[in-house]
Amino acid sequence: MPELPEVEVVRRALQHGVGRFLIRHVEVRLERTVASPVGDCAAFAAALTECRLTSWRRRGKYLLSQLVRQGRPAGRLGVHLRMTGRFRWLNGEDSPLCPHTRVRFLGDGKELRFVDTRSFGRMWWVPPGTAASQVITGLQRLGPEPFAAAFDGAYLEKRLRGSRRPIKTALLDQSVVAGVGNIYADECLFLAGIPPHVASNSLSQGQLHRLCGQLVRVLARSIQQGGTSFRDFRDLQGVNGNYGQQAWVYGRPDAPCRRCGAPIQRQVLGGRSSHWCPHCQQEGR
């Protein structure tokens, strides 16, 4: 699933590449992609027709675009890429349809196309004057952004006090910190020297502060590298991200650690694969 860096890469591409795209026509090719209005793809299409996609923002793994029709606010478009969703920005409305095309936004010789192999991606139309969280209920459960000033060791210590679940599992909880997934949880834990299986409440504020700092650094570096493309992620032009080639531990079971040479271990925590170095990530460090 695209995580915060991949979604941020898409957001920036939409903001700078798509610009003030004017939607002349909306073609929904898979009904379940439209989560709101519920069961009404025609209403979704009508709500976006003749709207410009203006500013794009990200919250966790969600994307939100302000819609403007004839200079007036027309609500917002919400998107969650889920496992395999991605956008393509195409010149020419007659570009051959690729497999798994789910929604097409067409206008004046341009097309913004949503492609989703596994069909888990979702879109919402948020009416004008309505809080996005009222329509996209997943927004209500999100914790702070990793780049927010409120996200630090003191916050994590307070948030995880009394919790014996593994720290890796806690990092994947979107109510603890928004946007982090399997890849960057593994990577920041390695850089902080913390094993993924240790109980959250056993870590000191100093360790948690170090963990927060490394998380911010690895996310920023991945954004700079265009994200990670282990499987399905591509940018608007179909180009892979480059961070995966530099990963410290994620996706490298049995490979030598890039620091010490010890074999990278893989174990399942909370139903998710975790990768770590038993030498560089020892308890009590």
Protein backbone atom coordinates (compact mmCIF):
# COMPACT_ATOMS: atom_id res chain seq x y z
CA MET A 1 0.00 0.00 0.00
CA PRO A 2 1.32 3.49 -0.78
CA GLU A 3 2.40 5.13 2.46
CA LEU A 4 2.89 8.78 3.38
CA PRO A 5 5.87 9.43 1.05
CA GLU A 6 4.20 7.85 -1.98
CA VAL A 7 0.94 9.74 -1.36
CA GLU A 8 2.89 12.97 -0.87
CA VAL A 9 4.73 12.38 -4.16
CA VAL A 10 1.35 11.97 -5.88
CA ARG A 11 0.00 15.09 -4.15
CA ARG A 12 2.89 17.21 -5.36
CA ALA A 13 2.56 15.86 -8.89
CA LEU A 14 -1.16 16.61 -8.91
CA GLN A 15 -0.59 20.09 -7.48
CA HIS A 16 2.13 21.07 -9.93
CA GLY A 17 1.39 18.89 -12.95
CA VAL A 18 -2.39 18.86 -13.18
CA GLY A 19 -2.77 22.47 -12.09
CA ARG A 20 -6.24 23.93 -12.43
CA PHE A 21 -7.57 21.09 -14.57
CA LEU A 22 -11.15 21.70 -15.72
CA ILE A 23 -13.24 18.53 -15.67
CA ARG A 24 -15.68 18.43 -18.58
CA HIS A 25 -16.81 14.84 -18.15
CA VAL A 26 -16.50 12.07 -15.55
CA GLU A 27 -16.64 8.40 -16.50
CA VAL A 28 -16.95 5.93 -13.62
CA ARG A 29 -15.99 2.48 -14.86
CA LEU A 30 -16.18 0.67 -11.51
CA GLU A 31 -19.05 1.67 -9.25
CA ARG A 32 -17.54 0.58 -5.95
CA THR A 33 -14.64 3.00 -6.41
CA VAL A 34 -17.11 5.78 -5.55
CA ALA A 35 -17.72 5.67 -1.80
CA SER A 36 -19.78 8.88 -1.63
CA PRO A 37 -22.44 9.70 -2.68
CA VAL A 38 -23.15 6.10 -1.67
CA GLY A 39 -24.36 4.01 -4.58
CA ASP A 40 -24.82 7.02 -6.85
CA CYS A 41 -22.07 7.32 -9.45
CA ALA A 42 -24.23 9.66 -11.52
CA ALA A 43 -24.42 12.14 -8.64
CA PHE A 44 -20.65 11.86 -8.13
CA ALA A 45 -20.03 12.58 -11.82
CA ALA A 46 -22.49 15.49 -11.84
CA ALA A 47 -20.89 17.01 -8.73
CA LEU A 48 -17.46 17.12 -10.39
CA THR A 49 -18.45 18.05 -13.95
CA GLU A 50 -17.37 21.59 -14.92
CA CYS A 51 -15.26 21.83 -11.76
CA ARG A 52 -11.61 22.77 -11.56
CA LEU A 53 -9.28 20.71 -9.39
CA THR A 54 -7.38 23.42 -7.52
CA SER A 55 -5.29 22.94 -4.39
CA TRP A 56 -4.38 19.43 -3.28
CA ARG A 57 -3.58 18.50 0.32
CA ARG A 58 -2.70 15.27 2.07
CA ARG A 59 -3.86 13.95 5.44
CA GLY A 60 -2.24 10.66 6.34
CA LYS A 61 -2.75 8.49 3.26
CA TYR A 62 -5.76 10.50 2.05
CA LEU A 63 -5.73 13.09 -0.74
CA LEU A 64 -8.15 16.03 -0.86
CA SER A 65 -8.64 18.49 -3.71
CA GLN A 66 -10.63 21.70 -3.53
CA LEU A 67 -13.26 21.91 -6.28
CA VAL A 68 -14.25 25.23 -7.84
CA ARG A 69 -17.07 25.77 -10.34
CA GLN A 70 -17.34 29.17 -12.02
CA GLY A 71 -15.27 30.76 -9.26
CA ARG A 72 -17.33 29.32 -6.40
CA PRO A 73 -16.49 26.49 -3.98
CA ALA A 74 -18.03 23.22 -5.17
CA GLY A 75 -16.88 20.88 -2.41
CA ARG A 76 -13.89 18.57 -2.36
CA LEU A 77 -12.73 15.38 -3.99
CA GLY A 78 -11.31 12.83 -1.56
CA VAL A 79 -9.15 9.90 -2.65
CA HIS A 80 -7.54 6.93 -0.91
CA LEU A 81 -5.21 4.89 -3.13
CA ARG A 82 -5.39 1.83 -0.84
CA MET A 83 -3.30 -1.10 -2.13
CA THR A 84 -2.77 -0.43 -5.83
CA GLY A 85 -4.54 2.80 -6.82
CA ARG A 86 -2.62 5.32 -8.92
CA PHE A 87 -3.27 8.32 -11.15
CA ARG A 88 -2.13 8.80 -14.74
CA TRP A 89 -2.01 12.26 -16.36
CA LEU A 90 -2.49 11.89 -20.09
CA ASN A 91 -2.41 14.18 -23.10
CA GLY A 92 -5.34 13.26 -25.30
CA GLU A 93 -8.73 11.94 -24.26
CA ASP A 94 -8.38 9.10 -26.78
CA SER A 95 -5.38 7.49 -25.09
CA PRO A 96 -5.80 3.68 -25.13
CA LEU A 97 -7.51 2.42 -22.00
CA CYS A 98 -5.13 0.47 -19.81
CA PRO A 99 -6.42 -2.51 -17.83
CA HIS A 100 -8.02 -1.74 -14.48
CA THR A 101 -9.05 1.83 -15.36
CA ARG A 102 -11.67 2.73 -12.73
CA VAL A 103 -12.44 6.46 -13.11
CA ARG A 104 -11.69 8.93 -15.90
CA PHE A 105 -11.74 12.71 -15.53
CA LEU A 106 -11.78 14.22 -19.02
CA GLY A 107 -11.43 17.78 -20.23
CA ASP A 108 -10.10 19.86 -23.13
CA GLY A 109 -7.77 17.23 -24.56
CA LYS A 110 -6.45 16.12 -21.16
CA GLU A 111 -7.29 13.17 -18.96
CA LEU A 112 -6.68 12.36 -15.31
CA ARG A 113 -7.12 8.61 -15.07
CA PHE A 114 -7.45 6.49 -11.92
CA VAL A 115 -6.10 2.97 -12.36
CA ASP A 116 -6.45 0.35 -9.63
CA THR A 117 -5.47 -3.29 -10.14
CA ARG A 118 -7.00 -4.70 -6.95
CA SER A 119 -9.92 -2.25 -6.90
CA PHE A 120 -9.64 -1.25 -3.23
CA GLY A 121 -9.12 2.47 -3.93
CA ARG A 122 -11.95 4.84 -3.02
CA MET A 123 -13.20 8.32 -3.93
CA TRP A 124 -15.57 10.67 -2.13
CA TRP A 125 -17.31 13.87 -3.05
CA VAL A 126 -17.56 16.17 -0.03
CA PRO A 127 -20.35 18.78 -0.49
CA PRO A 128 -19.58 22.48 0.06
CA GLY A 129 -19.76 23.52 3.71
CA THR A 130 -19.41 19.93 4.94
CA ALA A 131 -16.42 18.83 7.01
CA ALA A 132 -14.42 16.23 5.10
CA SER A 133 -14.39 13.98 8.18
CA GLN A 134 -18.20 13.77 8.12
CA VAL A 135 -18.06 12.09 4.72
CA ILE A 136 -14.65 10.39 4.90
CA THR A 137 -15.00 8.89 8.36
CA GLY A 138 -11.49 7.43 8.36
CA LEU A 139 -10.17 10.98 8.80
CA GLN A 140 -11.70 11.08 12.28
CA ARG A 141 -9.37 8.35 13.53
CA LEU A 142 -6.07 9.81 12.36
CA GLY A 143 -3.34 10.78 14.78
CA PRO A 144 -0.85 13.61 14.20
CA GLU A 145 1.26 13.88 11.07
CA PRO A 146 4.88 12.76 11.56
CA PHE A 147 6.07 16.21 10.43
CA ALA A 148 3.83 18.02 12.95
CA ALA A 149 5.43 19.75 15.93
CA ALA A 150 3.09 17.79 18.22
CA PHE A 151 4.67 14.49 17.16
CA ASP A 152 7.66 13.89 19.43
CA GLY A 153 8.97 11.55 22.10
CA ALA A 154 6.80 13.08 24.83
CA TYR A 155 3.68 12.55 22.71
CA LEU A 156 4.56 8.93 21.98
CA GLU A 157 5.39 8.21 25.62
CA LYS A 158 2.02 9.58 26.72
CA ARG A 159 0.12 7.90 23.87
CA LEU A 160 1.70 4.47 24.41
CA ARG A 161 1.80 4.50 28.21
CA GLY A 162 0.48 1.18 29.49
CA SER A 163 0.56 -0.45 26.04
CA ARG A 164 2.47 -3.70 25.79
CA ARG A 165 1.87 -4.18 22.09
CA PRO A 166 5.01 -4.29 19.94
CA ILE A 167 6.32 -0.88 18.93
CA LYS A 168 6.10 -1.89 15.25
CA THR A 169 2.37 -2.61 15.68
CA ALA A 170 1.89 0.75 17.41
CA LEU A 171 3.55 2.63 14.54
CA LEU A 172 1.12 1.04 12.08
CA ASP A 173 -1.85 2.31 14.12
CA GLN A 174 -3.10 5.34 12.18
CA SER A 175 -4.58 6.80 15.37
CA VAL A 176 -1.06 6.97 16.84
CA VAL A 177 0.64 8.55 13.83
CA ALA A 178 -0.90 9.16 10.41
CA GLY A 179 0.51 7.79 7.18
CA VAL A 180 3.09 5.27 8.41
CA GLY A 181 2.97 1.73 7.01
CA ASN A 182 5.08 -1.39 6.93
CA ILE A 183 8.00 -0.04 4.90
CA TYR A 184 8.82 3.06 6.91
CA ALA A 185 8.03 1.51 10.29
CA ASP A 186 10.72 -1.10 9.59
CA GLU A 187 13.16 1.50 8.29
CA CYS A 188 12.84 4.00 11.15
CA LEU A 189 13.07 1.26 13.78
CA PHE A 190 16.33 0.10 12.21
CA LEU A 191 17.76 3.62 12.14
CA ALA A 192 16.70 4.17 15.76
CA GLY A 193 18.27 0.84 16.82
CA ILE A 194 15.00 -0.50 18.25
CA PRO A 195 13.77 -4.07 17.59
CA PRO A 196 10.21 -4.21 16.21
CA HIS A 197 8.95 -6.68 18.80
CA VAL A 198 9.72 -4.76 22.02
CA ALA A 199 6.77 -3.62 24.13
CA SER A 200 5.84 -0.01 23.46
CA ASN A 201 5.75 0.92 27.15
CA SER A 202 9.27 -0.43 27.74
CA LEU A 203 10.87 2.33 25.68
CA SER A 204 12.22 5.48 27.31
CA GLN A 205 11.25 8.96 26.19
CA GLY A 206 14.78 9.31 24.82
CA GLN A 207 14.38 6.20 22.66
CA LEU A 208 10.98 7.40 21.48
CA HIS A 209 12.40 10.84 20.69
CA ARG A 210 15.13 9.17 18.62
CA LEU A 211 12.50 7.05 16.88
CA CYS A 212 10.44 10.14 15.98
CA GLY A 213 13.49 11.87 14.56
CA GLN A 214 14.48 8.89 12.43
CA LEU A 215 10.91 8.48 11.18
CA VAL A 216 10.83 12.09 9.99
CA ARG A 217 14.23 11.69 8.31
CA VAL A 218 13.39 8.48 6.47
CA LEU A 219 10.04 9.84 5.29
CA ALA A 220 11.67 13.04 4.03
CA ARG A 221 14.37 11.09 2.21
CA SER A 222 11.83 8.80 0.57
CA ILE A 223 9.78 11.78 -0.62
CA GLN A 224 12.97 13.23 -2.11
CA GLN A 225 13.62 9.91 -3.88
CA GLY A 226 10.09 9.70 -5.30
CA GLY A 227 8.80 7.09 -2.86
CA THR A 228 9.13 3.31 -2.95
CA SER A 229 8.06 1.02 -5.81
CA PHE A 230 8.41 -2.53 -4.54
CA ARG A 231 5.21 -3.50 -6.34
CA ASP A 232 2.55 -1.21 -7.79
CA PHE A 233 3.43 2.38 -6.93
CA ARG A 234 4.13 4.73 -9.85
CA ASP A 235 3.96 8.50 -10.19
CA LEU A 236 1.63 10.31 -12.62
CA GLN A 237 3.93 9.52 -15.55
CA GLY A 238 4.24 5.85 -14.58
CA VAL A 239 7.77 6.23 -13.18
CA ASN A 240 8.98 4.11 -10.25
CA GLY A 241 10.13 5.61 -6.97
CA ASN A 242 13.79 5.05 -6.05
CA TYR A 243 13.83 4.71 -2.26
CA GLY A 244 13.31 0.92 -2.31
CA GLN A 245 16.75 0.42 -3.85
CA GLN A 246 18.26 2.00 -0.72
CA ALA A 247 16.11 0.31 1.94
CA TRP A 248 18.04 -0.71 5.03
CA VAL A 249 15.94 -3.71 6.03
CA TYR A 250 12.48 -3.73 4.43
CA GLY A 251 12.09 -6.41 1.76
CA ARG A 252 15.62 -7.77 2.43
CA PRO A 253 15.14 -11.02 4.43
CA ASP A 254 18.38 -13.03 4.75
CA ALA A 255 20.36 -10.33 2.92
CA PRO A 256 23.39 -8.91 4.76
CA CYS A 257 22.78 -5.82 6.86
CA ARG A 258 24.16 -2.77 5.08
CA ARG A 259 25.85 -1.71 8.34
CA CYS A 260 27.16 -4.84 10.04
CA GLY A 261 26.71 -7.70 7.56
CA ALA A 262 24.44 -9.80 9.80
CA PRO A 263 21.55 -11.52 7.98
CA ILE A 264 18.35 -9.47 8.05
CA GLN A 265 15.62 -11.28 9.98
CA ARG A 266 11.95 -11.48 9.09
CA GLN A 267 9.15 -12.17 11.55
CA VAL A 268 5.39 -11.70 11.59
CA LEU A 269 3.96 -9.22 14.10
CA GLY A 270 0.24 -8.56 14.18
CA GLY A 271 -0.17 -10.31 10.84
CA ARG A 272 2.43 -8.08 9.12
CA SER A 273 5.96 -8.97 8.04
CA SER A 274 8.70 -7.14 9.92
CA HIS A 275 12.35 -6.91 8.89
CA TRP A 276 15.17 -6.12 11.29
CA CYS A 277 18.85 -6.61 12.05
CA PRO A 278 19.45 -8.64 15.25
CA HIS A 279 22.84 -6.98 15.74
CA CYS A 280 22.00 -3.33 15.06
CA GLN A 281 18.61 -3.50 16.78
CA GLN A 282 19.20 -4.94 20.24
CA GLU A 283 16.95 -4.39 23.23
CA GLY A 284 18.21 -1.94 25.81
CA ARG A 285 20.31 0.18 23.46
